C-alpha atoms as a PDB file:
ATOM      1  CA  UNK A   1       0.000   0.000   0.000  1.00  0.00           C
ATOM      2  CA  UNK A   2       1.420   3.346  -1.070  1.00  0.00           C
ATOM      3  CA  UNK A   3       2.048   5.935   1.638  1.00  0.00           C
ATOM      4  CA  UNK A   4       0.198   9.194   1.047  1.00  0.00           C
ATOM      5  CA  UNK A   5       2.488  12.193   0.378  1.00  0.00           C
ATOM      6  CA  UNK A   6       1.055  14.129   3.310  1.00  0.00           C
ATOM      7  CA  UNK A   7       1.988  11.292   5.657  1.00  0.00           C
ATOM      8  CA  UNK A   8       5.552  11.308   4.340  1.00  0.00           C
ATOM      9  CA  UNK A   9       5.762  15.049   4.982  1.00  0.00           C
ATOM     10  CA  UNK A  10       4.335  14.719   8.498  1.00  0.00           C
ATOM     11  CA  UNK A  11       6.755  11.918   9.379  1.00  0.00           C
ATOM     12  CA  UNK A  12       9.760  13.781   7.952  1.00  0.00           C
ATOM     13  CA  UNK A  13       8.950  16.990   9.838  1.00  0.00           C
ATOM     14  CA  UNK A  14       8.257  15.158  13.110  1.00  0.00           C
ATOM     15  CA  UNK A  15      11.498  13.193  12.827  1.00  0.00           C
ATOM     16  CA  UNK A  16      13.477  16.351  12.137  1.00  0.00           C
ATOM     17  CA  UNK A  17      11.895  18.133  15.096  1.00  0.00           C
ATOM     18  CA  UNK A  18      12.442  15.147  17.399  1.00  0.00           C
ATOM     19  CA  UNK A  19      16.148  15.189  16.507  1.00  0.00           C
ATOM     20  CA  UNK A  20      16.327  18.995  16.840  1.00  0.00           C
ATOM     21  CA  UNK A  21      17.304  19.392  13.193  1.00  0.00           C
ATOM     22  CA  UNK A  22      14.449  21.818  12.518  1.00  0.00           C
ATOM     23  CA  UNK A  23      14.664  24.684  15.018  1.00  0.00           C
ATOM     24  CA  UNK A  24      11.685  26.696  16.184  1.00  0.00           C
ATOM     25  CA  UNK A  25      10.641  29.346  13.688  1.00  0.00           C
ATOM     26  CA  UNK A  26      11.823  27.499  10.570  1.00  0.00           C
ATOM     27  CA  UNK A  27       9.582  28.367   7.629  1.00  0.00           C
ATOM     28  CA  UNK A  28       7.898  25.370   6.013  1.00  0.00           C
ATOM     29  CA  UNK A  29       7.245  26.737   2.540  1.00  0.00           C
ATOM     30  CA  UNK A  30       4.525  25.025   0.539  1.00  0.00           C
ATOM     31  CA  UNK A  31       6.442  25.260  -2.725  1.00  0.00           C
ATOM     32  CA  UNK A  32       9.620  23.884  -1.180  1.00  0.00           C
ATOM     33  CA  UNK A  33       7.785  20.964   0.440  1.00  0.00           C
ATOM     34  CA  UNK A  34       5.863  20.142  -2.731  1.00  0.00           C
ATOM     35  CA  UNK A  35       9.147  19.980  -4.657  1.00  0.00           C
ATOM     36  CA  UNK A  36      10.958  17.971  -2.003  1.00  0.00           C
ATOM     37  CA  UNK A  37       8.209  15.349  -1.780  1.00  0.00           C
ATOM     38  CA  UNK A  38       7.086  15.501  -5.419  1.00  0.00           C
ATOM     39  CA  UNK A  39       3.477  16.233  -4.562  1.00  0.00           C
ATOM     40  CA  UNK A  40       0.924  18.977  -5.041  1.00  0.00           C
ATOM     41  CA  UNK A  41       0.180  21.814  -2.661  1.00  0.00           C
ATOM     42  CA  UNK A  42      -3.069  20.222  -1.516  1.00  0.00           C
ATOM     43  CA  UNK A  43      -1.016  17.346  -0.048  1.00  0.00           C
ATOM     44  CA  UNK A  44       1.304  19.847   1.611  1.00  0.00           C
ATOM     45  CA  UNK A  45      -1.585  21.815   3.123  1.00  0.00           C
ATOM     46  CA  UNK A  46      -3.108  18.657   4.596  1.00  0.00           C
ATOM     47  CA  UNK A  47       0.261  17.741   6.109  1.00  0.00           C
ATOM     48  CA  UNK A  48       0.724  21.200   7.604  1.00  0.00           C
ATOM     49  CA  UNK A  49      -2.796  21.128   9.047  1.00  0.00           C
ATOM     50  CA  UNK A  50      -2.028  17.772  10.689  1.00  0.00           C
ATOM     51  CA  UNK A  51       1.220  19.142  12.148  1.00  0.00           C
ATOM     52  CA  UNK A  52      -0.579  22.251  13.394  1.00  0.00           C
ATOM     53  CA  UNK A  53      -3.106  20.002  15.167  1.00  0.00           C
ATOM     54  CA  UNK A  54      -0.160  18.415  16.993  1.00  0.00           C
ATOM     55  CA  UNK A  55       0.942  21.951  17.977  1.00  0.00           C
ATOM     56  CA  UNK A  56       4.431  21.625  16.535  1.00  0.00           C
ATOM     57  CA  UNK A  57       3.669  23.881  13.557  1.00  0.00           C
ATOM     58  CA  UNK A  58       2.068  27.320  13.507  1.00  0.00           C
ATOM     59  CA  UNK A  59      -0.067  28.500  10.570  1.00  0.00           C
ATOM     60  CA  UNK A  60       0.310  32.279  10.383  1.00  0.00           C
ATOM     61  CA  UNK A  61      -2.178  34.269   8.270  1.00  0.00           C
ATOM     62  CA  UNK A  62      -0.618  35.675   5.096  1.00  0.00           C
ATOM     63  CA  UNK A  63       2.797  34.343   6.121  1.00  0.00           C
ATOM     64  CA  UNK A  64       2.570  30.568   5.878  1.00  0.00           C
ATOM     65  CA  UNK A  65       3.634  27.683   8.103  1.00  0.00           C
ATOM     66  CA  UNK A  66       6.496  27.717  10.594  1.00  0.00           C
ATOM     67  CA  UNK A  67       7.890  25.292  13.140  1.00  0.00           C
ATOM     68  CA  UNK A  68       6.251  26.377  16.388  1.00  0.00           C
ATOM     69  CA  UNK A  69       8.013  28.844  18.677  1.00  0.00           C
ATOM     70  CA  UNK A  70       6.703  28.064  22.171  1.00  0.00           C
ATOM     71  CA  UNK A  71       6.718  30.955  24.634  1.00  0.00           C
ATOM     72  CA  UNK A  72       8.269  30.628  28.076  1.00  0.00           C
ATOM     73  CA  UNK A  73       4.764  30.298  29.538  1.00  0.00           C
ATOM     74  CA  UNK A  74       3.844  27.556  27.078  1.00  0.00           C
ATOM     75  CA  UNK A  75       7.086  25.743  27.882  1.00  0.00           C
ATOM     76  CA  UNK A  76       6.217  25.739  31.569  1.00  0.00           C
ATOM     77  CA  UNK A  77       2.695  24.530  30.831  1.00  0.00           C
ATOM     78  CA  UNK A  78       4.016  21.648  28.710  1.00  0.00           C
ATOM     79  CA  UNK A  79       6.241  20.454  31.545  1.00  0.00           C
ATOM     80  CA  UNK A  80       3.425  20.905  34.051  1.00  0.00           C
ATOM     81  CA  UNK A  81       1.237  18.701  31.863  1.00  0.00           C
ATOM     82  CA  UNK A  82       4.008  16.133  31.524  1.00  0.00           C
ATOM     83  CA  UNK A  83       4.417  15.923  35.302  1.00  0.00           C
ATOM     84  CA  UNK A  84       0.708  15.236  35.736  1.00  0.00           C
ATOM     85  CA  UNK A  85       0.569  12.632  32.975  1.00  0.00           C
ATOM     86  CA  UNK A  86       3.857  10.887  33.721  1.00  0.00           C
ATOM     87  CA  UNK A  87       3.064  10.517  37.409  1.00  0.00           C
ATOM     88  CA  UNK A  88      -0.103   8.671  36.411  1.00  0.00           C
ATOM     89  CA  UNK A  89       1.844   6.606  33.903  1.00  0.00           C
ATOM     90  CA  UNK A  90       4.464   5.747  36.531  1.00  0.00           C
ATOM     91  CA  UNK A  91       1.805   4.681  39.028  1.00  0.00           C
ATOM     92  CA  UNK A  92       0.295   2.288  36.491  1.00  0.00           C
ATOM     93  CA  UNK A  93       3.621   1.099  35.079  1.00  0.00           C
ATOM     94  CA  UNK A  94       5.051   0.042  38.442  1.00  0.00           C
ATOM     95  CA  UNK A  95       2.213  -2.448  38.852  1.00  0.00           C
ATOM     96  CA  UNK A  96       2.811  -3.992  35.426  1.00  0.00           C
ATOM     97  CA  UNK A  97       6.590  -3.886  34.897  1.00  0.00           C
ATOM     98  CA  UNK A  98       8.445  -7.175  34.336  1.00  0.00           C
ATOM     99  CA  UNK A  99      12.092  -8.130  34.580  1.00  0.00           C
ATOM    100  CA  UNK A 100      12.272  -8.073  30.764  1.00  0.00           C
ATOM    101  CA  UNK A 101      10.986  -4.497  30.819  1.00  0.00           C
ATOM    102  CA  UNK A 102      13.672  -3.555  33.343  1.00  0.00           C
ATOM    103  CA  UNK A 103      16.340  -5.109  31.113  1.00  0.00           C
ATOM    104  CA  UNK A 104      15.067  -3.156  28.095  1.00  0.00           C
ATOM    105  CA  UNK A 105      15.096   0.140  29.993  1.00  0.00           C
ATOM    106  CA  UNK A 106      18.631  -0.429  31.309  1.00  0.00           C
ATOM    107  CA  UNK A 107      19.813  -1.220  27.777  1.00  0.00           C
ATOM    108  CA  UNK A 108      18.137   1.972  26.590  1.00  0.00           C
ATOM    109  CA  UNK A 109      20.005   4.020  29.210  1.00  0.00           C
ATOM    110  CA  UNK A 110      23.324   2.409  28.271  1.00  0.00           C
ATOM    111  CA  UNK A 111      22.749   3.189  24.590  1.00  0.00           C
ATOM    112  CA  UNK A 112      21.750   6.775  25.416  1.00  0.00           C
ATOM    113  CA  UNK A 113      24.917   7.221  27.473  1.00  0.00           C
ATOM    114  CA  UNK A 114      27.047   5.887  24.618  1.00  0.00           C
ATOM    115  CA  UNK A 115      25.341   8.264  22.180  1.00  0.00           C
ATOM    116  CA  UNK A 116      26.060  11.195  24.497  1.00  0.00           C
ATOM    117  CA  UNK A 117      29.736  10.223  24.810  1.00  0.00           C
ATOM    118  CA  UNK A 118      30.188  10.079  21.025  1.00  0.00           C
ATOM    119  CA  UNK A 119      28.161  13.321  20.671  1.00  0.00           C
ATOM    120  CA  UNK A 120      25.450  11.687  18.570  1.00  0.00           C
ATOM    121  CA  UNK A 121      22.680  14.098  19.526  1.00  0.00           C
ATOM    122  CA  UNK A 122      19.913  12.724  17.245  1.00  0.00           C
ATOM    123  CA  UNK A 123      20.346   9.199  18.619  1.00  0.00           C
ATOM    124  CA  UNK A 124      20.570  10.479  22.197  1.00  0.00           C
ATOM    125  CA  UNK A 125      17.312  12.407  21.788  1.00  0.00           C
ATOM    126  CA  UNK A 126      15.555   9.459  20.136  1.00  0.00           C
ATOM    127  CA  UNK A 127      16.572   7.085  22.939  1.00  0.00           C
ATOM    128  CA  UNK A 128      15.481   9.527  25.632  1.00  0.00           C
ATOM    129  CA  UNK A 129      12.068   9.840  24.004  1.00  0.00           C
ATOM    130  CA  UNK A 130      11.845   6.055  23.669  1.00  0.00           C
ATOM    131  CA  UNK A 131      12.517   5.695  27.397  1.00  0.00           C
ATOM    132  CA  UNK A 132       9.510   7.800  28.314  1.00  0.00           C
ATOM    133  CA  UNK A 133       7.280   6.278  25.652  1.00  0.00           C
ATOM    134  CA  UNK A 134       8.167   2.754  26.780  1.00  0.00           C
ATOM    135  CA  UNK A 135       6.967   3.643  30.273  1.00  0.00           C
ATOM    136  CA  UNK A 136       3.769   4.993  28.724  1.00  0.00           C
ATOM    137  CA  UNK A 137       3.265   1.687  26.901  1.00  0.00           C
ATOM    138  CA  UNK A 138       3.804  -0.151  30.194  1.00  0.00           C
ATOM    139  CA  UNK A 139       0.918   1.777  31.737  1.00  0.00           C
ATOM    140  CA  UNK A 140      -1.483   0.064  29.336  1.00  0.00           C
ATOM    141  CA  UNK A 141      -3.352   3.342  28.811  1.00  0.00           C
ATOM    142  CA  UNK A 142      -3.311   4.193  25.104  1.00  0.00           C
ATOM    143  CA  UNK A 143      -4.910   7.612  25.637  1.00  0.00           C
ATOM    144  CA  UNK A 144      -2.125   8.673  28.008  1.00  0.00           C
ATOM    145  CA  UNK A 145       0.410   7.210  25.590  1.00  0.00           C
ATOM    146  CA  UNK A 146      -0.961   9.340  22.757  1.00  0.00           C
ATOM    147  CA  UNK A 147      -0.976  12.502  24.890  1.00  0.00           C
ATOM    148  CA  UNK A 148       2.591  11.878  26.021  1.00  0.00           C
ATOM    149  CA  UNK A 149       3.786  11.337  22.441  1.00  0.00           C
ATOM    150  CA  UNK A 150       2.611  14.863  21.597  1.00  0.00           C
ATOM    151  CA  UNK A 151       4.058  16.370  24.761  1.00  0.00           C
ATOM    152  CA  UNK A 152       7.475  14.741  24.354  1.00  0.00           C
ATOM    153  CA  UNK A 153       7.663  16.085  20.801  1.00  0.00           C
ATOM    154  CA  UNK A 154       6.809  19.581  22.028  1.00  0.00           C
ATOM    155  CA  UNK A 155       9.307  19.199  24.887  1.00  0.00           C
ATOM    156  CA  UNK A 156      12.081  18.360  22.435  1.00  0.00           C
ATOM    157  CA  UNK A 157      11.247  21.489  20.470  1.00  0.00           C
ATOM    158  CA  UNK A 158      11.314  23.535  23.695  1.00  0.00           C
ATOM    159  CA  UNK A 159      14.628  22.040  24.851  1.00  0.00           C
ATOM    160  CA  UNK A 160      16.123  22.889  21.465  1.00  0.00           C
ATOM    161  CA  UNK A 161      14.789  26.442  21.596  1.00  0.00           C
ATOM    162  CA  UNK A 162      15.850  27.138  25.189  1.00  0.00           C
ATOM    163  CA  UNK A 163      18.815  24.769  25.750  1.00  0.00           C
ATOM    164  CA  UNK A 164      20.451  24.832  29.144  1.00  0.00           C
ATOM    165  CA  UNK A 165      23.516  23.293  30.722  1.00  0.00           C
ATOM    166  CA  UNK A 166      23.781  19.661  31.792  1.00  0.00           C
ATOM    167  CA  UNK A 167      20.526  18.354  30.323  1.00  0.00           C
ATOM    168  CA  UNK A 168      22.126  15.245  28.836  1.00  0.00           C
ATOM    169  CA  UNK A 169      24.057  14.147  31.912  1.00  0.00           C
ATOM    170  CA  UNK A 170      21.130  14.754  34.241  1.00  0.00           C
ATOM    171  CA  UNK A 171      18.824  12.911  31.852  1.00  0.00           C
ATOM    172  CA  UNK A 172      20.752   9.625  32.021  1.00  0.00           C
ATOM    173  CA  UNK A 173      21.318   9.895  35.773  1.00  0.00           C
ATOM    174  CA  UNK A 174      17.625  10.555  36.377  1.00  0.00           C
ATOM    175  CA  UNK A 175      16.631   7.647  34.147  1.00  0.00           C
ATOM    176  CA  UNK A 176      18.874   5.305  36.152  1.00  0.00           C
ATOM    177  CA  UNK A 177      17.119   6.326  39.363  1.00  0.00           C
ATOM    178  CA  UNK A 178      13.703   5.840  37.788  1.00  0.00           C
ATOM    179  CA  UNK A 179      14.591   2.312  36.650  1.00  0.00           C
ATOM    180  CA  UNK A 180      16.032   1.493  40.087  1.00  0.00           C
ATOM    181  CA  UNK A 181      12.719   2.535  41.655  1.00  0.00           C
ATOM    182  CA  UNK A 182      10.817   0.422  39.137  1.00  0.00           C
ATOM    183  CA  UNK A 183      13.066  -2.541  39.904  1.00  0.00           C
ATOM    184  CA  UNK A 184      12.280  -2.177  43.599  1.00  0.00           C
ATOM    185  CA  UNK A 185       8.568  -1.701  42.770  1.00  0.00           C
ATOM    186  CA  UNK A 186       8.755   1.379  45.008  1.00  0.00           C
ATOM    187  CA  UNK A 187       5.837   3.490  43.825  1.00  0.00           C
ATOM    188  CA  UNK A 188       6.403   6.410  46.192  1.00  0.00           C
ATOM    189  CA  UNK A 189      10.069   6.754  45.174  1.00  0.00           C
ATOM    190  CA  UNK A 190       9.202   6.322  41.496  1.00  0.00           C
ATOM    191  CA  UNK A 191       6.639   9.137  41.603  1.00  0.00           C
ATOM    192  CA  UNK A 192       9.075  11.457  43.355  1.00  0.00           C
ATOM    193  CA  UNK A 193      11.927  10.741  40.934  1.00  0.00           C
ATOM    194  CA  UNK A 194       9.666  11.123  37.900  1.00  0.00           C
ATOM    195  CA  UNK A 195       8.522  14.518  39.140  1.00  0.00           C
ATOM    196  CA  UNK A 196      12.081  15.613  39.987  1.00  0.00           C
ATOM    197  CA  UNK A 197      13.371  14.511  36.583  1.00  0.00           C
ATOM    198  CA  UNK A 198      10.896  16.686  34.718  1.00  0.00           C
ATOM    199  CA  UNK A 199      11.515  19.603  37.071  1.00  0.00           C
ATOM    200  CA  UNK A 200      15.264  19.273  36.393  1.00  0.00           C
ATOM    201  CA  UNK A 201      14.631  19.573  32.659  1.00  0.00           C
ATOM    202  CA  UNK A 202      12.358  22.572  33.090  1.00  0.00           C
ATOM    203  CA  UNK A 203      14.717  24.314  35.518  1.00  0.00           C
ATOM    204  CA  UNK A 204      17.548  24.007  33.004  1.00  0.00           C
ATOM    205  CA  UNK A 205      15.741  25.972  30.289  1.00  0.00           C
ATOM    206  CA  UNK A 206      17.394  29.260  29.369  1.00  0.00           C
ATOM    207  CA  UNK A 207      14.698  31.678  28.217  1.00  0.00           C
ATOM    208  CA  UNK A 208      17.222  34.455  27.487  1.00  0.00           C
ATOM    209  CA  UNK A 209      18.924  32.726  24.570  1.00  0.00           C
ATOM    210  CA  UNK A 210      18.723  34.376  21.117  1.00  0.00           C
ATOM    211  CA  UNK A 211      16.746  32.626  18.347  1.00  0.00           C
ATOM    212  CA  UNK A 212      18.485  29.804  16.483  1.00  0.00           C
ATOM    213  CA  UNK A 213      19.644  30.782  12.988  1.00  0.00           C
ATOM    214  CA  UNK A 214      17.692  29.528   9.987  1.00  0.00           C
ATOM    215  CA  UNK A 215      18.520  26.194   8.349  1.00  0.00           C
ATOM    216  CA  UNK A 216      18.099  24.589   4.936  1.00  0.00           C
ATOM    217  CA  UNK A 217      14.735  22.847   4.864  1.00  0.00           C
ATOM    218  CA  UNK A 218      15.925  20.437   2.175  1.00  0.00           C
ATOM    219  CA  UNK A 219      19.077  19.451   4.077  1.00  0.00           C
ATOM    220  CA  UNK A 220      17.273  18.913   7.360  1.00  0.00           C
ATOM    221  CA  UNK A 221      14.334  16.943   5.965  1.00  0.00           C
ATOM    222  CA  UNK A 222      16.060  14.832   3.313  1.00  0.00           C
ATOM    223  CA  UNK A 223      19.768  15.065   4.054  1.00  0.00           C
ATOM    224  CA  UNK A 224      22.075  14.642   7.017  1.00  0.00           C
ATOM    225  CA  UNK A 225      22.258  17.400   9.606  1.00  0.00           C
ATOM    226  CA  UNK A 226      25.425  19.443   9.537  1.00  0.00           C
END
């Protein structure tokens, strides 16, 4: 079954945002996208509408589509929402986690650490997102899983827009503590560490940083990041 052009565009943009290859404010020109994906503008418009519904793209009247530029207030609200959702996920996951799940999560942390050491940022980001989404899958609640998928994508955009110091190191260390609490089936500790982890990420945001310079849409969607 052929994949619809709009789905290819959505997937490419989401992947680029999740790997911080498309910074906030990047213009997503209809003509450029139609040429890159060999499709008509109607396909592009449907893709952009889908991305706007996920709140990672902004449709600005008379100006076109841009990768979203979350405000400081929106950034705080996203992390507040994540704390509420991920505490619920953690509470459900701790009752369902198996030894195989623990082994998977520890392997994920090891791979994320290796990616950080070799400065492979896209892989590091992907593994960090997978860690949180695996916990969401463990909860057994598909609605929460879907909500978290959107919030983690928006969080990645926020962390790229307002990067702070020490996010990567703290991320792996926090994940180790979370898995240790899961291993011990210690719900109270797990909830506290989950909350602290997300607060660490939020506290590290630097809202005074200047905007990231523009990038080549073609290179970031179809090529390798510089």
